[in-house]
Amino acid sequence: MIERILVAIDDTPDSLAAARLAIELATALHAELRAVHVEVDHGLPKVVQAASGEPGAGARLAEAGVAMLHRVSALAAAARLELQTQVLTGEIAPAILHDARQWHADLVVLGKSSRSASGEPYIGARSRHVLEFADQPVVIVPPPEAAAR
């Protein structure tokens, strides 16, 4: 029985589609829902700030994921669903897997990226890593434009 659903999000429409499905599933199954965003633990924010020459540019990069968590919280609230949110740090796939294990998730939901060189949706390396090493079922949600076809 699915009682705990973890959805991993970033600041893309692809992960927003995954969050919407996770909210629908949690509502239908009366399951707990947790949304996580992983801030990669490396120097990208400093590099962005240095390259832009604009103070705070690196911080805005980190804030984008937190803003998406707030957006998903609003969607869950509109569905009358309580949502736990968490910002994780580290490498994306291992952080998602660790959190799913620690929280005892019964299902992990990820978005399928619409970004690829060919323009076709694909499952990226991080999603493949989660699929390969997850202790629970994983649902990969197609991007919004693929679902409309």
Protein backbone atom coordinates (compact mmCIF):
# COMPACT_ATOMS: atom_id res chain seq x y z
CA MET A 1 0.00 0.00 0.00
CA ILE A 2 1.27 3.45 -0.88
CA GLU A 3 1.17 5.68 2.20
CA ARG A 4 4.16 7.97 1.60
CA ILE A 5 5.04 9.64 -1.70
CA LEU A 6 8.23 11.59 -2.28
CA VAL A 7 8.46 13.93 -5.27
CA ALA A 8 11.77 15.49 -6.28
CA ILE A 9 11.52 18.88 -7.94
CA ASP A 10 13.72 21.47 -9.53
CA ASP A 11 12.83 24.74 -11.23
CA THR A 12 11.51 23.25 -14.51
CA PRO A 13 8.04 22.67 -15.95
CA ASP A 14 8.97 18.97 -16.11
CA SER A 15 9.21 18.68 -12.34
CA LEU A 16 6.07 20.77 -11.90
CA ALA A 17 4.21 18.13 -13.96
CA ALA A 18 5.65 15.47 -11.63
CA ALA A 19 4.51 17.47 -8.59
CA ARG A 20 0.99 17.78 -9.98
CA LEU A 21 0.78 14.01 -10.50
CA ALA A 22 2.21 13.35 -7.03
CA ILE A 23 -0.45 15.63 -5.53
CA GLU A 24 -3.19 13.79 -7.44
CA LEU A 25 -1.85 10.41 -6.29
CA ALA A 26 -1.46 11.49 -2.68
CA THR A 27 -4.98 12.90 -2.66
CA ALA A 28 -6.52 9.78 -4.21
CA LEU A 29 -4.56 7.41 -1.96
CA HIS A 30 -4.82 9.54 1.22
CA ALA A 31 -1.03 9.35 1.33
CA GLU A 32 1.52 11.67 2.90
CA LEU A 33 3.43 13.79 0.40
CA ARG A 34 6.94 15.18 0.66
CA ALA A 35 8.53 17.45 -1.93
CA VAL A 36 12.30 17.76 -1.97
CA HIS A 37 14.66 20.00 -3.87
CA VAL A 38 18.38 19.25 -4.03
CA GLU A 39 20.87 22.09 -3.99
CA VAL A 40 23.99 20.66 -5.54
CA ASP A 41 26.90 21.06 -3.17
CA HIS A 42 29.43 22.72 -5.45
CA GLY A 43 30.69 26.15 -6.42
CA LEU A 44 28.18 26.98 -9.19
CA PRO A 45 26.52 29.87 -7.29
CA LYS A 46 29.94 31.48 -6.78
CA VAL A 47 30.84 30.99 -10.45
CA VAL A 48 27.52 32.50 -11.59
CA GLN A 49 28.04 35.49 -9.32
CA ALA A 50 31.63 35.98 -10.49
CA ALA A 51 30.69 35.66 -14.18
CA SER A 52 27.74 38.02 -13.92
CA GLY A 53 29.52 40.57 -11.78
CA GLU A 54 26.17 41.09 -10.10
CA PRO A 55 25.97 40.73 -6.33
CA GLY A 56 23.44 38.11 -5.31
CA ALA A 57 23.31 36.29 -8.66
CA GLY A 58 24.50 33.06 -7.07
CA ALA A 59 21.93 33.33 -4.29
CA ARG A 60 19.12 33.78 -6.83
CA LEU A 61 20.14 30.49 -8.46
CA ALA A 62 19.65 28.69 -5.14
CA GLU A 63 16.37 30.54 -4.52
CA ALA A 64 14.80 29.19 -7.73
CA GLY A 65 14.38 25.70 -6.27
CA VAL A 66 12.99 27.06 -3.02
CA ALA A 67 10.50 29.15 -5.01
CA MET A 68 9.37 25.99 -6.78
CA LEU A 69 8.82 24.31 -3.40
CA HIS A 70 6.57 27.22 -2.46
CA ARG A 71 4.66 26.84 -5.71
CA VAL A 72 4.16 23.12 -5.12
CA SER A 73 3.05 23.90 -1.56
CA ALA A 74 0.39 26.23 -2.98
CA LEU A 75 -0.80 23.51 -5.38
CA ALA A 76 -1.02 21.02 -2.52
CA ALA A 77 -2.90 23.51 -0.35
CA ALA A 78 -5.39 24.09 -3.18
CA ALA A 79 -5.96 20.32 -3.21
CA ARG A 80 -6.38 20.42 0.59
CA LEU A 81 -3.33 18.27 1.00
CA GLU A 82 -0.67 18.75 3.63
CA LEU A 83 2.80 18.82 2.11
CA GLN A 84 6.18 18.43 3.75
CA THR A 85 9.03 20.22 1.98
CA GLN A 86 12.74 19.82 2.37
CA VAL A 87 15.82 21.32 0.75
CA LEU A 88 18.58 18.73 0.49
CA THR A 89 22.23 19.27 -0.37
CA GLY A 90 24.68 17.05 -2.17
CA GLU A 91 24.62 15.19 -5.44
CA ILE A 92 21.07 15.00 -6.77
CA ALA A 93 20.37 11.26 -7.21
CA PRO A 94 22.12 10.08 -4.02
CA ALA A 95 20.40 12.82 -2.00
CA ILE A 96 16.96 11.79 -3.33
CA LEU A 97 17.66 8.12 -2.65
CA HIS A 98 18.92 8.82 0.87
CA ASP A 99 15.91 10.98 1.71
CA ALA A 100 13.49 8.40 0.28
CA ARG A 101 15.07 5.72 2.49
CA GLN A 102 15.21 7.88 5.62
CA TRP A 103 11.61 9.06 5.22
CA HIS A 104 10.45 5.53 4.32
CA ALA A 105 8.83 6.58 1.04
CA ASP A 106 6.64 3.98 -0.66
CA LEU A 107 6.89 5.73 -4.04
CA VAL A 108 9.25 8.24 -5.65
CA VAL A 109 7.99 10.57 -8.39
CA LEU A 110 10.35 12.32 -10.83
CA GLY A 111 9.82 14.41 -13.94
CA LYS A 112 11.07 13.20 -17.32
CA SER A 113 13.15 15.96 -18.87
CA SER A 114 12.02 17.57 -22.08
CA ARG A 115 15.55 18.83 -22.68
CA SER A 116 17.75 16.88 -25.05
CA ALA A 117 19.91 17.54 -28.07
CA SER A 118 17.39 15.86 -30.37
CA GLY A 119 14.40 17.66 -28.87
CA GLU A 120 12.94 14.32 -27.76
CA PRO A 121 12.22 13.71 -24.08
CA TYR A 122 14.73 11.48 -22.35
CA ILE A 123 15.50 10.05 -18.96
CA GLY A 124 18.62 11.74 -17.71
CA ALA A 125 21.50 10.18 -15.83
CA ARG A 126 20.20 11.31 -12.43
CA SER A 127 16.76 9.80 -13.02
CA ARG A 128 18.36 6.59 -14.29
CA HIS A 129 20.47 6.47 -11.14
CA VAL A 130 17.35 6.82 -8.97
CA LEU A 131 15.56 4.14 -11.04
CA GLU A 132 18.47 1.74 -10.68
CA PHE A 133 19.11 2.15 -6.96
CA ALA A 134 15.71 2.98 -5.44
CA ASP A 135 14.30 0.66 -2.79
CA GLN A 136 10.75 1.53 -3.84
CA PRO A 137 8.85 1.98 -7.11
CA VAL A 138 9.68 5.09 -9.12
CA VAL A 139 7.26 6.90 -11.41
CA ILE A 140 8.74 8.98 -14.22
CA VAL A 141 6.25 11.63 -15.37
CA PRO A 142 6.46 12.77 -19.00
CA PRO A 143 6.91 16.48 -19.70
CA PRO A 144 3.73 18.52 -20.16
CA GLU A 145 4.05 18.77 -23.97
CA ALA A 146 4.58 15.00 -24.31
CA ALA A 147 1.45 14.32 -22.26
CA ALA A 148 -0.59 16.56 -24.59
CA ARG A 149 0.33 14.53 -27.69
